[in-house]
Structures are given as C-alpha cells and as structure tokens.
C-alpha atoms as a PDB file:
ATOM      1  CA  MET A   1     -35.861 -64.277  31.349  1.00  0.00           C
ATOM      2  CA  THR A   2     -35.759 -61.033  33.344  1.00  0.00           C
ATOM      3  CA  LYS A   3     -33.903 -62.834  36.161  1.00  0.00           C
ATOM      4  CA  LEU A   4     -31.348 -64.081  33.643  1.00  0.00           C
ATOM      5  CA  TYR A   5     -30.704 -60.530  32.389  1.00  0.00           C
ATOM      6  CA  ALA A   6     -30.491 -59.241  35.950  1.00  0.00           C
ATOM      7  CA  GLY A   7     -27.981 -61.970  36.798  1.00  0.00           C
ATOM      8  CA  ILE A   8     -25.826 -61.156  33.779  1.00  0.00           C
ATOM      9  CA  PHE A   9     -25.989 -57.441  34.560  1.00  0.00           C
ATOM     10  CA  LEU A  10     -24.913 -57.975  38.180  1.00  0.00           C
ATOM     11  CA  SER A  11     -22.067 -60.242  37.066  1.00  0.00           C
ATOM     12  CA  LEU A  12     -20.786 -57.576  34.672  1.00  0.00           C
ATOM     13  CA  VAL A  13     -20.992 -54.890  37.353  1.00  0.00           C
ATOM     14  CA  PHE A  14     -19.080 -57.105  39.778  1.00  0.00           C
ATOM     15  CA  MET A  15     -16.351 -57.827  37.207  1.00  0.00           C
ATOM     16  CA  ALA A  16     -16.025 -54.128  36.381  1.00  0.00           C
ATOM     17  CA  CYS A  17     -15.549 -53.301  40.052  1.00  0.00           C
ATOM     18  CA  GLN A  18     -12.913 -56.015  40.391  1.00  0.00           C
ATOM     19  CA  ASN A  19     -10.901 -54.511  37.509  1.00  0.00           C
ATOM     20  CA  ASN A  20     -10.468 -51.256  39.471  1.00  0.00           C
ATOM     21  CA  LYS A  21      -8.911 -53.025  42.443  1.00  0.00           C
ATOM     22  CA  VAL A  22      -5.154 -52.765  42.766  1.00  0.00           C
ATOM     23  CA  ASN A  23      -2.936 -54.900  44.965  1.00  0.00           C
ATOM     24  CA  SER A  24      -1.246 -51.935  46.611  1.00  0.00           C
ATOM     25  CA  THR A  25       1.276 -54.124  48.431  1.00  0.00           C
ATOM     26  CA  HIS A  26       3.066 -54.542  45.076  1.00  0.00           C
ATOM     27  CA  LEU A  27       3.559 -50.766  44.963  1.00  0.00           C
ATOM     28  CA  TYR A  28       5.645 -50.662  48.157  1.00  0.00           C
ATOM     29  CA  ALA A  29       9.084 -51.020  46.582  1.00  0.00           C
ATOM     30  CA  ASN A  30      11.866 -49.237  44.738  1.00  0.00           C
ATOM     31  CA  TRP A  31      11.117 -48.755  41.032  1.00  0.00           C
ATOM     32  CA  ASN A  32      13.514 -47.745  38.247  1.00  0.00           C
ATOM     33  CA  LEU A  33      12.579 -46.595  34.774  1.00  0.00           C
ATOM     34  CA  ILE A  34      12.995 -49.159  31.999  1.00  0.00           C
ATOM     35  CA  GLU A  35      11.583 -46.929  29.274  1.00  0.00           C
ATOM     36  CA  GLY A  36       9.890 -43.552  29.237  1.00  0.00           C
ATOM     37  CA  PHE A  37       7.568 -42.099  26.629  1.00  0.00           C
ATOM     38  CA  ARG A  38       6.686 -38.491  25.878  1.00  0.00           C
ATOM     39  CA  ASN A  39       3.648 -38.039  23.630  1.00  0.00           C
ATOM     40  CA  ASP A  40       3.796 -41.791  22.850  1.00  0.00           C
ATOM     41  CA  LYS A  41       7.397 -41.601  21.599  1.00  0.00           C
ATOM     42  CA  PRO A  42      10.398 -43.065  23.464  1.00  0.00           C
ATOM     43  CA  SER A  43      12.221 -40.308  25.319  1.00  0.00           C
ATOM     44  CA  ASP A  44      15.698 -40.554  26.813  1.00  0.00           C
ATOM     45  CA  MET A  45      15.082 -37.286  28.704  1.00  0.00           C
ATOM     46  CA  LEU A  46      13.317 -39.442  31.308  1.00  0.00           C
ATOM     47  CA  ASP A  47      16.273 -41.811  31.840  1.00  0.00           C
ATOM     48  CA  GLY A  48      17.230 -42.368  35.458  1.00  0.00           C
ATOM     49  CA  ILE A  49      13.818 -41.647  36.988  1.00  0.00           C
ATOM     50  CA  PHE A  50      12.969 -43.647  40.096  1.00  0.00           C
ATOM     51  CA  PHE A  51      10.175 -43.927  42.638  1.00  0.00           C
ATOM     52  CA  ASN A  52      10.610 -45.470  46.098  1.00  0.00           C
ATOM     53  CA  PHE A  53       7.198 -46.082  47.689  1.00  0.00           C
ATOM     54  CA  ASN A  54       6.951 -46.964  51.395  1.00  0.00           C
ATOM     55  CA  GLU A  55       4.073 -48.550  53.305  1.00  0.00           C
ATOM     56  CA  ASN A  56       3.759 -45.463  55.541  1.00  0.00           C
ATOM     57  CA  GLY A  57       2.699 -43.341  52.545  1.00  0.00           C
ATOM     58  CA  SER A  58       6.062 -41.694  51.968  1.00  0.00           C
ATOM     59  CA  VAL A  59       7.829 -41.583  48.623  1.00  0.00           C
ATOM     60  CA  GLU A  60      11.263 -40.612  47.391  1.00  0.00           C
ATOM     61  CA  THR A  61      11.612 -39.709  43.718  1.00  0.00           C
ATOM     62  CA  ASN A  62      13.655 -37.715  41.263  1.00  0.00           C
ATOM     63  CA  PHE A  63      10.714 -37.302  38.886  1.00  0.00           C
ATOM     64  CA  MET A  64      10.920 -33.498  39.010  1.00  0.00           C
ATOM     65  CA  GLY A  65      14.675 -33.448  38.241  1.00  0.00           C
ATOM     66  CA  VAL A  66      16.017 -33.530  41.802  1.00  0.00           C
ATOM     67  CA  VAL A  67      15.661 -36.126  44.538  1.00  0.00           C
ATOM     68  CA  GLU A  68      12.701 -35.191  46.729  1.00  0.00           C
ATOM     69  CA  GLN A  69      10.813 -36.688  49.670  1.00  0.00           C
ATOM     70  CA  GLY A  70       7.055 -36.565  49.742  1.00  0.00           C
ATOM     71  CA  THR A  71       3.842 -38.457  50.218  1.00  0.00           C
ATOM     72  CA  PHE A  72       1.546 -40.447  47.976  1.00  0.00           C
ATOM     73  CA  GLN A  73      -2.040 -41.654  47.906  1.00  0.00           C
ATOM     74  CA  LEU A  74      -3.428 -44.482  45.810  1.00  0.00           C
ATOM     75  CA  GLU A  75      -7.170 -44.624  45.208  1.00  0.00           C
ATOM     76  CA  LYS A  76      -8.148 -47.332  42.746  1.00  0.00           C
ATOM     77  CA  LYS A  77      -5.974 -46.466  39.740  1.00  0.00           C
ATOM     78  CA  ALA A  78      -5.349 -42.827  40.659  1.00  0.00           C
ATOM     79  CA  LEU A  79      -1.923 -42.222  42.178  1.00  0.00           C
ATOM     80  CA  THR A  80      -1.209 -38.762  43.597  1.00  0.00           C
ATOM     81  CA  ILE A  81       2.355 -37.890  44.541  1.00  0.00           C
ATOM     82  CA  GLU A  82       3.016 -34.730  46.503  1.00  0.00           C
ATOM     83  CA  THR A  83       6.585 -33.451  46.747  1.00  0.00           C
ATOM     84  CA  SER A  84       7.367 -29.811  45.913  1.00  0.00           C
ATOM     85  CA  LYS A  85       4.476 -30.161  43.472  1.00  0.00           C
ATOM     86  CA  LYS A  86       1.350 -32.335  43.446  1.00  0.00           C
ATOM     87  CA  THR A  87       1.289 -34.705  40.457  1.00  0.00           C
ATOM     88  CA  LYS A  88      -1.508 -37.066  39.469  1.00  0.00           C
ATOM     89  CA  PHE A  89      -0.731 -40.323  37.695  1.00  0.00           C
ATOM     90  CA  THR A  90      -2.882 -43.094  36.304  1.00  0.00           C
ATOM     91  CA  LEU A  91      -1.764 -46.528  37.374  1.00  0.00           C
ATOM     92  CA  VAL A  92      -1.906 -48.366  34.047  1.00  0.00           C
ATOM     93  CA  SER A  93      -0.506 -51.648  35.337  1.00  0.00           C
ATOM     94  CA  LEU A  94       0.968 -53.022  38.548  1.00  0.00           C
ATOM     95  CA  THR A  95       2.384 -56.501  39.044  1.00  0.00           C
ATOM     96  CA  ALA A  96       4.928 -57.837  41.503  1.00  0.00           C
ATOM     97  CA  ASP A  97       7.783 -56.790  39.165  1.00  0.00           C
ATOM     98  CA  GLU A  98       6.391 -54.128  36.811  1.00  0.00           C
ATOM     99  CA  LEU A  99       4.787 -50.718  37.287  1.00  0.00           C
ATOM    100  CA  ILE A 100       3.401 -48.625  34.431  1.00  0.00           C
ATOM    101  CA  LEU A 101       2.318 -45.062  35.165  1.00  0.00           C
ATOM    102  CA  ALA A 102       0.834 -42.427  32.863  1.00  0.00           C
ATOM    103  CA  ALA A 103       0.437 -38.705  33.397  1.00  0.00           C
ATOM    104  CA  ASP A 104      -0.660 -35.666  31.444  1.00  0.00           C
ATOM    105  CA  LEU A 105       1.528 -32.733  32.441  1.00  0.00           C
ATOM    106  CA  MET A 106       0.955 -29.299  30.926  1.00  0.00           C
ATOM    107  CA  GLY A 107      -0.617 -30.814  27.814  1.00  0.00           C
ATOM    108  CA  THR A 108       2.080 -33.433  27.310  1.00  0.00           C
ATOM    109  CA  SER A 109       1.415 -37.114  27.894  1.00  0.00           C
ATOM    110  CA  PHE A 110       4.004 -39.228  29.672  1.00  0.00           C
ATOM    111  CA  ARG A 111       4.236 -42.967  30.233  1.00  0.00           C
ATOM    112  CA  PHE A 112       6.705 -44.579  32.625  1.00  0.00           C
ATOM    113  CA  GLU A 113       7.514 -48.266  32.385  1.00  0.00           C
ATOM    114  CA  MET A 114       9.244 -49.222  35.612  1.00  0.00           C
ATOM    115  CA  GLU A 115      10.836 -52.359  37.034  1.00  0.00           C
ATOM    116  CA  LYS A 116      11.230 -53.272  40.679  1.00  0.00           C
ATOM    117  CA  THR A 117      14.838 -53.144  41.881  1.00  0.00           C
ATOM    118  CA  LYS A 118      16.161 -56.111  43.741  1.00  0.00           C
END
C-alpha cells in the first residue's frame, strides 16, 4: 500500500512540474492586443498595445506608451521585459495563436489578451 501511495505522489509531482513548462517557441512572434483589462474590468486605455518577441531575446513594445526596444527573459511562467523600465508579467496562457499576460503595476492589476499577427 505504501508503494501505491508513493507512486501516486510521484505521478502528481511529475504532472505539477509539467504544468509549469511553456513552449517558448510560441512566444517568438508579433502579438497585438485583443482585449485589455484593468482591475478585472475591460479598459480601452490599453488599445493598440503590441509585443514583438524575437528568438535572440529582444523585444519591441509600446506597452509603456511609446515604442521601445528591449530584452526579455522567460522562466517557467515568469516573463520579465526590460525596456526603459523592468516589468514582470505572469504568463497566464500561451498557445500558437493566443498569449495572455497578467501584471500587477503599482497596485493595479492588468491582463492582456493578445493574438498573433499574421
């Protein structure tokens, strides 16, 4: 019975580790905002935001109000973008065509639902 519990425990640990893995190759693309949320409410103040992620770790974005070049790092579901300011995002979801990011900036929560541009 102890072996059964140990087997179940190891299976759960393995599945939990798998859930933190992100297929980062999906990130390398140009992403445009579909809908933005500020404190869980739709916000048109975020309209027009884009992120262009490159395989070499560079990023172009207008997230801070002007178009800026910078760098990014992705570790599990933590995405750090450094332009004129360092910003930490949580990668909520990433598929081949959809990117959802969340961030808490100065006590305000933001959520960005993005689509890959063709």
